[in-house]
Structure formats: C-alpha cells, structure tokens
C-alpha atoms as a PDB file:
ATOM      1  CA  MET A   1     -13.561  66.063 -28.454  1.00  0.00           C
ATOM      2  CA  VAL A   2     -11.033  63.781 -26.729  1.00  0.00           C
ATOM      3  CA  CYS A   3     -10.420  60.251 -27.945  1.00  0.00           C
ATOM      4  CA  ALA A   4      -8.169  58.013 -25.797  1.00  0.00           C
ATOM      5  CA  GLY A   5      -6.169  60.961 -24.632  1.00  0.00           C
ATOM      6  CA  VAL A   6      -5.730  62.424 -28.145  1.00  0.00           C
ATOM      7  CA  ALA A   7      -7.690  65.352 -29.374  1.00  0.00           C
ATOM      8  CA  CYS A   8      -9.844  64.424 -32.384  1.00  0.00           C
ATOM      9  CA  ARG A   9     -10.678  66.941 -34.948  1.00  0.00           C
ATOM     10  CA  GLN A  10     -13.810  66.712 -37.060  1.00  0.00           C
ATOM     11  CA  ALA A  11     -13.293  66.933 -40.785  1.00  0.00           C
ATOM     12  CA  PRO A  12     -14.551  70.137 -42.375  1.00  0.00           C
ATOM     13  CA  ALA A  13     -17.948  69.973 -43.992  1.00  0.00           C
ATOM     14  CA  ALA A  14     -17.990  69.159 -47.684  1.00  0.00           C
ATOM     15  CA  GLN A  15     -18.614  72.016 -50.010  1.00  0.00           C
ATOM     16  CA  PRO A  16     -22.095  71.194 -51.464  1.00  0.00           C
ATOM     17  CA  ALA A  17     -22.117  74.185 -53.866  1.00  0.00           C
ATOM     18  CA  ALA A  18     -18.802  73.141 -55.451  1.00  0.00           C
ATOM     19  CA  ALA A  19     -19.944  69.554 -55.891  1.00  0.00           C
ATOM     20  CA  ALA A  20     -23.300  70.597 -57.306  1.00  0.00           C
ATOM     21  CA  GLN A  21     -21.799  72.965 -59.824  1.00  0.00           C
ATOM     22  CA  PRO A  22     -20.120  70.282 -62.034  1.00  0.00           C
ATOM     23  CA  ALA A  23     -23.264  68.151 -61.865  1.00  0.00           C
ATOM     24  CA  THR A  24     -25.346  71.135 -62.965  1.00  0.00           C
ATOM     25  CA  ALA A  25     -22.892  71.943 -65.777  1.00  0.00           C
ATOM     26  CA  ALA A  26     -23.007  68.334 -66.967  1.00  0.00           C
ATOM     27  CA  ALA A  27     -26.813  68.275 -66.870  1.00  0.00           C
ATOM     28  CA  ASP A  28     -26.915  71.528 -68.844  1.00  0.00           C
ATOM     29  CA  GLU A  29     -24.571  70.134 -71.433  1.00  0.00           C
ATOM     30  CA  ILE A  30     -26.612  66.984 -71.795  1.00  0.00           C
ATOM     31  CA  ALA A  31     -29.820  69.020 -72.172  1.00  0.00           C
ATOM     32  CA  ALA A  32     -28.103  71.162 -74.830  1.00  0.00           C
ATOM     33  CA  LEU A  33     -26.952  68.065 -76.707  1.00  0.00           C
ATOM     34  CA  LYS A  34     -30.452  66.573 -76.592  1.00  0.00           C
ATOM     35  CA  ALA A  35     -31.859  69.812 -78.007  1.00  0.00           C
ATOM     36  CA  ASP A  36     -29.247  69.753 -80.799  1.00  0.00           C
ATOM     37  CA  VAL A  37     -30.240  66.158 -81.673  1.00  0.00           C
ATOM     38  CA  GLU A  38     -33.892  67.187 -81.944  1.00  0.00           C
ATOM     39  CA  VAL A  39     -33.001  70.085 -84.265  1.00  0.00           C
ATOM     40  CA  LEU A  40     -30.967  67.772 -86.485  1.00  0.00           C
ATOM     41  CA  LYS A  41     -33.750  65.206 -86.562  1.00  0.00           C
ATOM     42  CA  GLY A  42     -36.111  67.946 -87.835  1.00  0.00           C
ATOM     43  CA  LYS A  43     -33.692  68.919 -90.613  1.00  0.00           C
ATOM     44  CA  ALA A  44     -32.884  65.481 -91.968  1.00  0.00           C
ATOM     45  CA  PRO A  45     -35.348  63.995 -94.432  1.00  0.00           C
ATOM     46  CA  SER A  46     -36.924  60.702 -93.497  1.00  0.00           C
ATOM     47  CA  ALA A  47     -35.903  57.437 -95.108  1.00  0.00           C
ATOM     48  CA  SER A  48     -39.199  57.359 -96.999  1.00  0.00           C
ATOM     49  CA  VAL A  49     -38.223  60.486 -98.927  1.00  0.00           C
ATOM     50  CA  ALA A  50     -34.927  58.925 -99.980  1.00  0.00           C
ATOM     51  CA  MET A  51     -36.549  55.656-100.940  1.00  0.00           C
ATOM     52  CA  ALA A  52     -39.213  57.455-103.037  1.00  0.00           C
ATOM     53  CA  ASP A  53     -36.419  59.308-104.858  1.00  0.00           C
ATOM     54  CA  VAL A  54     -34.509  56.061-105.529  1.00  0.00           C
ATOM     55  CA  GLY A  55     -37.721  54.408-106.722  1.00  0.00           C
ATOM     56  CA  PHE A  56     -38.420  57.292-109.110  1.00  0.00           C
ATOM     57  CA  HIS A  57     -34.958  57.068-110.656  1.00  0.00           C
ATOM     58  CA  TRP A  58     -35.011  53.289-111.032  1.00  0.00           C
ATOM     59  CA  SER A  59     -38.492  53.507-112.627  1.00  0.00           C
ATOM     60  CA  ASN A  60     -37.170  56.004-115.132  1.00  0.00           C
ATOM     61  CA  LEU A  61     -34.272  53.747-115.902  1.00  0.00           C
ATOM     62  CA  TRP A  62     -36.544  50.712-116.408  1.00  0.00           C
ATOM     63  CA  PHE A  63     -38.945  52.575-118.702  1.00  0.00           C
ATOM     64  CA  ALA A  64     -36.099  54.081-120.695  1.00  0.00           C
ATOM     65  CA  ALA A  65     -34.528  50.631-121.195  1.00  0.00           C
ATOM     66  CA  GLN A  66     -37.913  49.073-122.115  1.00  0.00           C
ATOM     67  CA  SER A  67     -38.524  51.627-124.804  1.00  0.00           C
ATOM     68  CA  GLY A  68     -34.973  51.415-126.103  1.00  0.00           C
ATOM     69  CA  ASN A  69     -34.139  54.996-125.119  1.00  0.00           C
ATOM     70  CA  TRP A  70     -30.520  54.208-124.310  1.00  0.00           C
ATOM     71  CA  PRO A  71     -29.261  57.800-124.031  1.00  0.00           C
ATOM     72  CA  LEU A  72     -31.913  58.422-121.328  1.00  0.00           C
ATOM     73  CA  ALA A  73     -31.124  55.092-119.660  1.00  0.00           C
ATOM     74  CA  VAL A  74     -27.398  55.943-119.522  1.00  0.00           C
ATOM     75  CA  THR A  75     -28.131  59.433-118.208  1.00  0.00           C
ATOM     76  CA  THR A  76     -30.544  58.138-115.581  1.00  0.00           C
ATOM     77  CA  SER A  77     -28.161  55.415-114.389  1.00  0.00           C
ATOM     78  CA  ALA A  78     -25.232  57.834-114.224  1.00  0.00           C
ATOM     79  CA  ARG A  79     -27.058  60.499-112.164  1.00  0.00           C
ATOM     80  CA  PRO A  80     -25.320  61.331-108.879  1.00  0.00           C
ATOM     81  CA  GLY A  81     -27.185  60.544-105.746  1.00  0.00           C
ATOM     82  CA  THR A  82     -28.832  57.388-106.994  1.00  0.00           C
ATOM     83  CA  MET A  83     -28.265  53.823-105.893  1.00  0.00           C
ATOM     84  CA  SER A  84     -26.283  53.069-109.044  1.00  0.00           C
ATOM     85  CA  ASP A  85     -23.164  54.954-107.840  1.00  0.00           C
ATOM     86  CA  GLY A  86     -22.551  52.653-104.941  1.00  0.00           C
END
C-alpha cells in the first residue's frame, strides 16, 4: 500500500492466544479462590454455635454465684475461650 509516496506497512496482527492465556489463568485463579472460600465457610462454625457456648458458660457462672459455689464460679469465669478473657 502506498501513502503519499511512502510505503505503508500494516501492523502485524495481535496474538489472541497470548492475550487470552493470562485472562484464562486469572479466571482459573479466581475460581480456585472462590472454591477455597466455600470450603472454609463449611469448616467454620456459625456464630450461633459460638453464642450458644458463651451463653452456656455465663449461665453456669450465674447459677454458681447464686448458690454461693465460689470455686465453681471462679473456675467457670477463668475458662479459656469464654467472653471473660477479653
């Protein structure tokens, strides 16, 4: 092709396979991450399980204190994994 007395050259065609490969790799990585999130959601207990556990321990503490069972009250309030340890 001649443009104003100067030969014009057409740019080479873009490589569609090379451009599609990173997009495919990114899509595969995103799909893998979504699958990992779903697996983790299935392994973690719901908040209702944690709240039931906390309620159980606080009830034990209240009943122990009401009945004057101070050794049980101290043991219950000092148990790891309850709301009393911050």
